[in-house]
Amino acid sequence: MSLTPLRRVLIAGVALAALAGCSDESPRHENEALGSQAPVQPVPLDKKTGHGLPGMPPVLDPADVYAADRPNKLSPVVKDFPSRVYVPNTNSNTVTVIDPKTYDVIETIPVGAQPQHVVPSWDMKTLWVNNDRGNSLTPIDPKTGKAAKPVEVHDPYNLYFTPNGKYAVVMASRDRELVFRDAHTMKRVKTEKVSCYGVNHADFSLDGRYFIVSCEFSGEVLKVDTEKMKVVAQEKLPFHGAMPQDVKISPDGKKFYIADMMANGMWILDGDKFTRPTLLPTGKGTHGLYVSRDSREMYISNRGEGTISIFDFTQDRLTKKWRLPNGGSPDMGGVSADGKVLWLSGRYNSEVYAIDTRTGTQLARIPVGSGPHGLAVYPQPGRYSLGHTGIFR
């Protein structure tokens, strides 16, 4: 579709405004990381401050935070990386590397103690293995598949990046801390102590100004001001023994979904108002949440019953449930670049599942190390990474 002169002016204006808003502390390779997917809309304006998170790339579509994640829409930064599935084995202290085309294990990489997640960096050039008990992050070059010297970081259960690429946020679960670090050097910048137990998963608001964090062991959720690096709200989930896990925002940015493996469903939360959430039952041991490439559906892994529930955003309801043949323990994972395959680790079965997203058919069941957890499918579409196993925008 051709652009009108007015449209060209608006797009140019947005691009200039985005560049002007970048501080000296912005990521060194921001333009390269964003690639050729030029923004066409400004960041939604915050009602109080009049702007989004400073330095954050403008969203492509205010009605869909996942607009940059369309099938095979790879950034120039990652387009030449070989397609791989990286599986951290928490009990084996290794990362299994799988070729998704052949389903073959092509390498096993020794890492630190108890690797929990493999996390793409904000600029998408590095994969960080979170060695929780090893108190380190092992960097892997996704171009060569080679690991480099670990970086000393205490209690890195999980890792996220602020939407402006300025800070890494370490989910220090045992330490009961959110540790903000320089996104490149991992040098500690600020430590935010928390009163809940087991901070582990998160996702950011549409404008990037806050993020929602789950506290697994005390059944709570936090709201954190991104710029101030401060917890601004906290609430207990209304279920005795709640155990929240993964967190994902809806495409329109109006709701947050929080998986709960003890409540056997996902909580639906208004992040802006931070009011009492409601529970949608999905299956036993609800754990991981993954959005389809067309932003229409969300795949929900139910670890306790070997199933995947399908939630339709447009219908606002569950529509299907897929069962793994011979059972299993589907946990964390991601969606292939073309959107056709959902990859999930089998946490208690030392295996990985490849599932057809059109039919729910199991395509492969691949033996890996002991305790496979937060696997990363890489590369994936998107302009930049917010962390975890791959949250791209």
Protein backbone atom coordinates (compact mmCIF):
# COMPACT_ATOMS: atom_id res chain seq x y z
CA MET A 1 0.00 0.00 0.00
CA SER A 2 1.48 3.36 -1.01
CA LEU A 3 1.96 6.09 1.56
CA THR A 4 0.31 9.50 1.29
CA PRO A 5 2.56 12.58 1.65
CA LEU A 6 1.00 13.25 5.07
CA ARG A 7 1.71 9.68 6.18
CA ARG A 8 5.36 10.01 5.10
CA VAL A 9 5.71 13.19 7.14
CA LEU A 10 4.18 11.56 10.22
CA ILE A 11 6.49 8.55 9.99
CA ALA A 12 9.54 10.74 9.52
CA GLY A 13 8.50 12.84 12.50
CA VAL A 14 8.14 9.80 14.71
CA ALA A 15 11.57 8.50 13.70
CA LEU A 16 13.20 11.85 14.50
CA ALA A 17 11.40 12.06 17.83
CA ALA A 18 12.59 8.57 18.74
CA LEU A 19 16.19 9.47 17.98
CA ALA A 20 15.93 12.69 19.94
CA GLY A 21 14.63 10.84 22.96
CA CYS A 22 17.64 8.53 23.19
CA SER A 23 20.07 9.46 25.95
CA ASP A 24 23.80 8.84 25.97
CA GLU A 25 23.06 5.78 28.08
CA SER A 26 20.96 4.13 25.36
CA PRO A 27 22.17 0.78 23.94
CA ARG A 28 25.20 1.07 21.68
CA HIS A 29 23.61 -0.85 18.80
CA GLU A 30 20.01 0.32 19.00
CA ASN A 31 19.53 1.15 15.31
CA GLU A 32 21.17 -2.09 14.23
CA ALA A 33 19.10 -4.14 16.65
CA LEU A 34 15.85 -2.57 15.43
CA GLY A 35 16.85 -3.34 11.86
CA SER A 36 14.70 -2.23 8.95
CA GLN A 37 11.39 -2.50 10.80
CA ALA A 38 10.88 1.25 11.10
CA PRO A 39 8.35 2.38 13.73
CA VAL A 40 5.13 3.82 12.38
CA GLN A 41 3.44 4.92 15.59
CA PRO A 42 4.63 6.86 18.66
CA VAL A 43 4.78 5.30 22.10
CA PRO A 44 1.36 5.61 23.78
CA LEU A 45 1.28 8.66 26.01
CA ASP A 46 1.11 8.22 29.75
CA LYS A 47 -1.80 10.24 31.15
CA LYS A 48 0.25 11.70 33.99
CA THR A 49 3.64 12.30 32.42
CA GLY A 50 2.72 12.73 28.76
CA HIS A 51 5.28 10.21 27.47
CA GLY A 52 6.30 6.56 27.47
CA LEU A 53 9.48 5.12 28.98
CA PRO A 54 12.35 7.38 27.85
CA GLY A 55 14.52 5.76 25.18
CA MET A 56 12.08 2.95 24.40
CA PRO A 57 11.63 2.29 20.66
CA PRO A 58 8.16 3.40 19.49
CA VAL A 59 5.64 0.58 19.29
CA LEU A 60 4.66 -0.55 15.81
CA ASP A 61 0.97 -0.78 16.62
CA PRO A 62 -0.65 0.50 19.85
CA ALA A 63 -3.36 -2.14 19.39
CA ASP A 64 -0.83 -5.02 19.31
CA VAL A 65 2.39 -5.12 21.31
CA TYR A 66 3.41 -8.21 19.33
CA ALA A 67 3.14 -6.56 15.91
CA ALA A 68 6.90 -6.96 15.33
CA ASP A 69 6.73 -10.73 15.93
CA ARG A 70 5.15 -11.83 12.66
CA PRO A 71 6.29 -15.11 11.03
CA ASN A 72 9.92 -15.03 9.86
CA LYS A 73 10.15 -11.25 10.26
CA LEU A 74 13.73 -11.47 11.47
CA SER A 75 15.83 -8.44 12.30
CA PRO A 76 19.01 -7.96 10.24
CA VAL A 77 20.88 -8.60 13.49
CA VAL A 78 19.71 -12.23 13.70
CA LYS A 79 18.70 -13.21 10.16
CA ASP A 80 21.95 -15.10 9.51
CA PHE A 81 22.00 -16.94 12.85
CA PRO A 82 21.46 -20.71 12.54
CA SER A 83 18.08 -21.88 13.82
CA ARG A 84 18.57 -23.73 17.11
CA VAL A 85 16.76 -24.72 20.30
CA TYR A 86 18.82 -24.14 23.46
CA VAL A 87 17.74 -26.24 26.46
CA PRO A 88 19.12 -25.57 29.97
CA ASN A 89 19.22 -28.76 32.04
CA THR A 90 19.03 -27.69 35.68
CA ASN A 91 20.21 -30.98 37.16
CA SER A 92 22.88 -31.74 34.57
CA ASN A 93 24.46 -28.26 34.51
CA THR A 94 24.45 -28.29 30.72
CA VAL A 95 22.70 -26.71 27.75
CA THR A 96 21.48 -29.10 25.06
CA VAL A 97 21.48 -27.65 21.53
CA ILE A 98 18.90 -29.04 19.10
CA ASP A 99 18.60 -28.60 15.33
CA PRO A 100 14.86 -27.90 14.90
CA LYS A 101 14.87 -29.11 11.29
CA THR A 102 16.14 -32.60 12.05
CA TYR A 103 15.26 -32.80 15.79
CA ASP A 104 18.84 -33.96 16.39
CA VAL A 105 20.92 -32.99 19.41
CA ILE A 106 24.01 -31.40 17.87
CA GLU A 107 25.88 -30.26 20.98
CA THR A 108 25.91 -30.30 24.77
CA ILE A 109 27.49 -27.22 26.40
CA PRO A 110 28.77 -27.40 30.01
CA VAL A 111 27.67 -24.33 32.02
CA GLY A 112 27.38 -23.31 35.67
CA ALA A 113 25.35 -24.93 38.44
CA GLN A 114 21.57 -25.16 38.00
CA PRO A 115 20.96 -23.33 34.70
CA GLN A 116 17.34 -22.16 34.72
CA HIS A 117 16.70 -20.14 31.56
CA VAL A 118 18.39 -19.21 28.28
CA VAL A 119 17.70 -15.51 27.72
CA PRO A 120 18.22 -13.41 24.56
CA SER A 121 19.85 -10.03 25.30
CA TRP A 122 18.03 -6.78 24.46
CA ASP A 123 20.12 -6.26 21.32
CA MET A 124 19.59 -9.95 20.45
CA LYS A 125 23.32 -10.59 19.94
CA THR A 126 23.88 -12.76 23.01
CA LEU A 127 22.13 -15.64 24.75
CA TRP A 128 22.59 -15.55 28.53
CA VAL A 129 22.39 -18.84 30.42
CA ASN A 130 21.12 -18.15 33.95
CA ASN A 131 23.21 -20.33 36.27
CA ASP A 132 21.19 -19.80 39.42
CA ARG A 133 23.21 -21.83 41.94
CA GLY A 134 26.42 -21.15 40.05
CA ASN A 135 25.91 -17.40 40.59
CA SER A 136 26.86 -16.61 37.02
CA LEU A 137 25.63 -15.88 33.51
CA THR A 138 27.19 -17.85 30.66
CA PRO A 139 27.14 -15.92 27.36
CA ILE A 140 26.55 -17.92 24.17
CA ASP A 141 27.18 -16.43 20.73
CA PRO A 142 24.09 -17.49 18.71
CA LYS A 143 26.03 -16.99 15.47
CA THR A 144 28.67 -19.60 16.32
CA GLY A 145 26.97 -21.49 19.16
CA LYS A 146 30.08 -21.07 21.30
CA ALA A 147 30.01 -20.22 25.01
CA ALA A 148 32.35 -17.61 26.51
CA LYS A 149 33.64 -16.98 30.02
CA PRO A 150 30.81 -16.71 32.58
CA VAL A 151 30.03 -13.34 34.16
CA GLU A 152 29.68 -13.33 37.94
CA VAL A 153 26.08 -12.46 38.92
CA HIS A 154 24.52 -13.59 42.19
CA ASP A 155 21.33 -15.70 42.14
CA PRO A 156 20.24 -15.14 38.51
CA TYR A 157 17.09 -17.27 38.50
CA ASN A 158 15.69 -15.31 35.56
CA LEU A 159 16.67 -12.27 33.50
CA TYR A 160 14.76 -9.45 31.81
CA PHE A 161 15.66 -6.21 30.02
CA THR A 162 13.99 -2.81 30.32
CA PRO A 163 12.28 -1.83 27.03
CA ASN A 164 14.78 0.97 26.41
CA GLY A 165 17.65 -1.50 26.58
CA LYS A 166 19.27 0.39 29.42
CA TYR A 167 19.16 -2.19 32.21
CA ALA A 168 19.10 -5.92 32.73
CA VAL A 169 16.78 -6.95 35.57
CA VAL A 170 17.94 -10.03 37.48
CA MET A 171 15.20 -11.96 39.25
CA ALA A 172 17.17 -12.95 42.35
CA SER A 173 14.65 -15.39 43.78
CA ARG A 174 16.55 -16.63 46.84
CA ASP A 175 17.98 -13.19 47.64
CA ARG A 176 14.49 -11.63 47.44
CA GLU A 177 15.77 -8.88 45.17
CA LEU A 178 15.21 -7.26 41.81
CA VAL A 179 18.71 -6.31 40.72
CA PHE A 180 19.03 -3.69 37.99
CA ARG A 181 22.32 -4.03 36.09
CA ASP A 182 23.94 -2.40 33.10
CA ALA A 183 22.54 -4.30 30.11
CA HIS A 184 26.01 -4.71 28.56
CA THR A 185 28.49 -5.06 31.42
CA MET A 186 26.08 -6.57 33.99
CA LYS A 187 27.48 -4.18 36.58
CA ARG A 188 25.04 -3.68 39.46
CA VAL A 189 23.24 -0.30 39.31
CA LYS A 190 20.46 -0.64 41.87
CA THR A 191 19.03 -3.33 44.13
CA GLU A 192 15.33 -3.28 44.97
CA LYS A 193 14.60 -5.46 47.99
CA VAL A 194 11.21 -7.18 47.95
CA SER A 195 9.10 -8.51 50.80
CA CYS A 196 7.60 -11.39 48.82
CA TYR A 197 9.24 -14.77 48.21
CA GLY A 198 10.37 -16.21 44.90
CA VAL A 199 10.39 -13.38 42.34
CA ASN A 200 10.78 -15.12 39.02
CA HIS A 201 8.74 -14.04 35.96
CA ALA A 202 7.58 -10.71 34.53
CA ASP A 203 6.30 -8.74 31.55
CA PHE A 204 6.21 -5.05 30.71
CA SER A 205 3.31 -2.69 30.03
CA LEU A 206 2.58 -1.38 26.53
CA ASP A 207 4.32 1.94 27.23
CA GLY A 208 7.15 0.25 29.14
CA ARG A 209 6.67 2.40 32.22
CA TYR A 210 5.97 -0.52 34.58
CA PHE A 211 6.21 -4.30 34.75
CA ILE A 212 4.34 -7.01 36.62
CA VAL A 213 6.34 -9.61 38.58
CA SER A 214 5.18 -12.96 39.99
CA CYS A 215 6.31 -14.12 43.44
CA GLU A 216 6.13 -17.90 43.29
CA PHE A 217 6.54 -18.95 46.90
CA SER A 218 4.34 -16.38 48.64
CA GLY A 219 1.56 -16.25 46.03
CA GLU A 220 1.90 -12.54 45.32
CA VAL A 221 2.36 -10.17 42.40
CA LEU A 222 4.29 -6.90 42.24
CA LYS A 223 3.98 -3.78 40.11
CA VAL A 224 7.35 -2.14 39.47
CA ASP A 225 8.03 1.36 38.12
CA THR A 226 10.59 0.78 35.35
CA GLU A 227 12.27 4.19 35.40
CA LYS A 228 12.34 4.54 39.19
CA MET A 229 13.32 0.87 39.56
CA LYS A 230 10.95 0.63 42.50
CA VAL A 231 8.06 -1.59 43.62
CA VAL A 232 4.97 0.65 43.65
CA ALA A 233 2.24 -1.91 44.41
CA GLN A 234 1.89 -5.42 45.78
CA GLU A 235 -1.01 -7.81 46.32
CA LYS A 236 -1.73 -11.34 47.43
CA LEU A 237 -3.45 -13.57 44.91
CA PRO A 238 -6.93 -14.62 46.12
CA PHE A 239 -6.24 -18.35 46.28
CA HIS A 240 -4.82 -20.26 49.24
CA GLY A 241 -1.48 -21.74 48.25
CA ALA A 242 -1.23 -19.74 45.02
CA MET A 243 2.04 -20.32 43.11
CA PRO A 244 2.31 -17.86 40.19
CA GLN A 245 4.75 -18.50 37.36
CA ASP A 246 4.93 -17.05 33.85
CA VAL A 247 3.54 -13.59 33.00
CA LYS A 248 2.36 -12.29 29.61
CA ILE A 249 0.59 -9.11 28.51
CA SER A 250 -2.39 -9.19 26.14
CA PRO A 251 -1.82 -7.92 22.58
CA ASP A 252 -3.84 -4.76 23.29
CA GLY A 253 -1.85 -4.11 26.48
CA LYS A 254 -4.96 -4.00 28.67
CA LYS A 255 -4.50 -7.22 30.64
CA PHE A 256 -1.76 -9.33 32.16
CA TYR A 257 -2.05 -13.11 32.34
CA ILE A 258 -0.26 -14.92 35.18
CA ALA A 259 0.10 -18.72 35.15
CA ASP A 260 -0.46 -20.41 38.52
CA MET A 261 0.60 -24.03 38.92
CA MET A 262 -1.28 -24.54 42.20
CA ALA A 263 -4.48 -22.70 41.26
CA ASN A 264 -4.39 -24.72 37.99
CA GLY A 265 -5.15 -21.75 35.81
CA MET A 266 -4.10 -18.24 34.90
CA TRP A 267 -4.92 -15.01 36.65
CA ILE A 268 -6.24 -12.11 34.57
CA LEU A 269 -5.06 -8.77 35.92
CA ASP A 270 -5.66 -5.14 34.96
CA GLY A 271 -2.09 -3.90 35.23
CA ASP A 272 -2.90 -0.19 35.13
CA LYS A 273 -5.49 -0.35 37.93
CA PHE A 274 -3.82 -3.31 39.69
CA THR A 275 -7.17 -4.44 41.08
CA ARG A 276 -8.12 -7.92 42.31
CA PRO A 277 -7.43 -10.44 39.49
CA THR A 278 -9.77 -13.20 38.35
CA LEU A 279 -8.82 -16.84 37.75
CA LEU A 280 -9.42 -18.78 34.54
CA PRO A 281 -8.91 -22.55 35.09
CA THR A 282 -6.82 -24.11 32.31
CA GLY A 283 -5.39 -27.38 33.62
CA LYS A 284 -3.28 -28.93 36.35
CA GLY A 285 0.07 -27.25 36.92
CA THR A 286 -0.38 -24.21 34.66
CA HIS A 287 3.10 -22.93 33.96
CA GLY A 288 4.16 -21.30 30.64
CA LEU A 289 2.43 -18.72 28.42
CA TYR A 290 3.33 -18.18 24.73
CA VAL A 291 1.66 -15.95 22.14
CA SER A 292 1.10 -17.10 18.55
CA ARG A 293 2.75 -15.27 15.67
CA ASP A 294 -0.55 -13.71 14.56
CA SER A 295 -1.34 -12.45 18.09
CA ARG A 296 -4.65 -14.31 18.07
CA GLU A 297 -3.92 -17.15 20.49
CA MET A 298 -1.88 -17.99 23.57
CA TYR A 299 -0.46 -21.46 24.25
CA ILE A 300 -0.66 -22.43 27.94
CA SER A 301 1.43 -25.34 29.20
CA ASN A 302 -0.19 -27.39 31.96
CA ARG A 303 2.81 -29.16 33.45
CA GLY A 304 0.87 -31.32 35.88
CA GLU A 305 -1.29 -33.08 33.28
CA GLY A 306 0.75 -33.09 30.07
CA THR A 307 -1.52 -30.74 28.15
CA ILE A 308 -1.50 -27.38 26.35
CA SER A 309 -4.58 -25.15 26.55
CA ILE A 310 -5.33 -22.63 23.80
CA PHE A 311 -6.70 -19.20 24.72
CA ASP A 312 -8.21 -17.06 21.97
CA PHE A 313 -7.63 -13.33 22.60
CA THR A 314 -10.36 -12.23 20.17
CA GLN A 315 -12.96 -14.51 21.76
CA ASP A 316 -11.57 -14.01 25.28
CA ARG A 317 -11.91 -17.70 26.10
CA LEU A 318 -10.29 -21.11 25.98
CA THR A 319 -11.00 -22.89 22.70
CA LYS A 320 -8.91 -26.09 22.62
CA LYS A 321 -6.75 -28.41 24.67
CA TRP A 322 -3.97 -30.57 23.25
CA ARG A 323 -2.75 -33.68 25.07
CA LEU A 324 0.76 -35.03 24.70
CA PRO A 325 0.70 -38.72 23.76
CA ASN A 326 1.98 -40.80 26.67
CA GLY A 327 1.80 -37.75 28.93
CA GLY A 328 4.69 -35.49 29.91
CA SER A 329 5.54 -32.36 31.86
CA PRO A 330 5.38 -29.40 29.41
CA ASP A 331 7.07 -26.41 31.00
CA MET A 332 8.83 -23.40 29.45
CA GLY A 333 9.73 -22.78 25.81
CA GLY A 334 8.91 -20.71 22.75
CA VAL A 335 7.44 -20.59 19.25
CA SER A 336 9.44 -21.20 16.08
CA ALA A 337 10.26 -18.25 13.82
CA ASP A 338 7.63 -19.31 11.29
CA GLY A 339 5.04 -19.84 14.03
CA LYS A 340 4.39 -23.45 13.07
CA VAL A 341 6.00 -25.24 16.01
CA LEU A 342 5.66 -24.78 19.77
CA TRP A 343 8.74 -26.00 21.65
CA LEU A 344 8.43 -26.91 25.33
CA SER A 345 10.77 -28.54 27.83
CA GLY A 346 9.59 -31.67 29.67
CA ARG A 347 10.71 -30.64 33.14
CA TYR A 348 10.38 -33.99 34.90
CA ASN A 349 10.90 -36.28 31.91
CA SER A 350 14.34 -35.23 30.60
CA GLU A 351 12.90 -34.46 27.19
CA VAL A 352 11.72 -31.70 24.85
CA TYR A 353 8.47 -31.58 22.89
CA ALA A 354 7.90 -30.13 19.42
CA ILE A 355 4.18 -29.50 18.80
CA ASP A 356 2.41 -28.49 15.59
CA THR A 357 0.61 -25.19 16.34
CA ARG A 358 -2.04 -25.84 13.68
CA THR A 359 -3.17 -29.26 14.88
CA GLY A 360 -1.63 -29.82 18.31
CA THR A 361 0.11 -32.94 17.00
CA GLN A 362 3.36 -33.92 18.69
CA LEU A 363 6.07 -33.75 16.03
CA ALA A 364 8.97 -34.93 18.15
CA ARG A 365 9.96 -35.95 21.67
CA ILE A 366 13.69 -35.46 22.11
CA PRO A 367 15.77 -36.83 25.03
CA VAL A 368 17.92 -34.17 26.74
CA GLY A 369 19.63 -33.73 30.12
CA SER A 370 18.00 -33.90 33.55
CA GLY A 371 15.59 -31.16 34.58
CA PRO A 372 15.15 -29.24 31.30
CA HIS A 373 13.63 -25.83 32.00
CA GLY A 374 13.56 -22.43 30.25
CA LEU A 375 14.50 -23.33 26.69
CA ALA A 376 14.98 -20.65 24.03
CA VAL A 377 14.04 -21.02 20.38
CA TYR A 378 16.44 -18.83 18.44
CA PRO A 379 16.39 -16.68 16.46
CA GLN A 380 12.85 -15.31 16.64
CA PRO A 381 11.12 -12.35 14.96
CA GLY A 382 11.12 -8.97 16.68
CA ARG A 383 13.14 -5.77 17.03
CA TYR A 384 14.45 -6.28 20.57
CA SER A 385 14.20 -8.70 23.49
CA LEU A 386 12.68 -8.10 26.91
CA GLY A 387 14.26 -11.29 28.21
CA HIS A 388 13.03 -14.57 29.69
CA THR A 389 13.02 -17.31 27.01
CA GLY A 390 12.19 -14.71 24.38
CA ILE A 391 9.71 -11.86 24.79
CA PHE A 392 10.14 -9.79 21.63
CA ARG A 393 8.67 -6.48 20.53
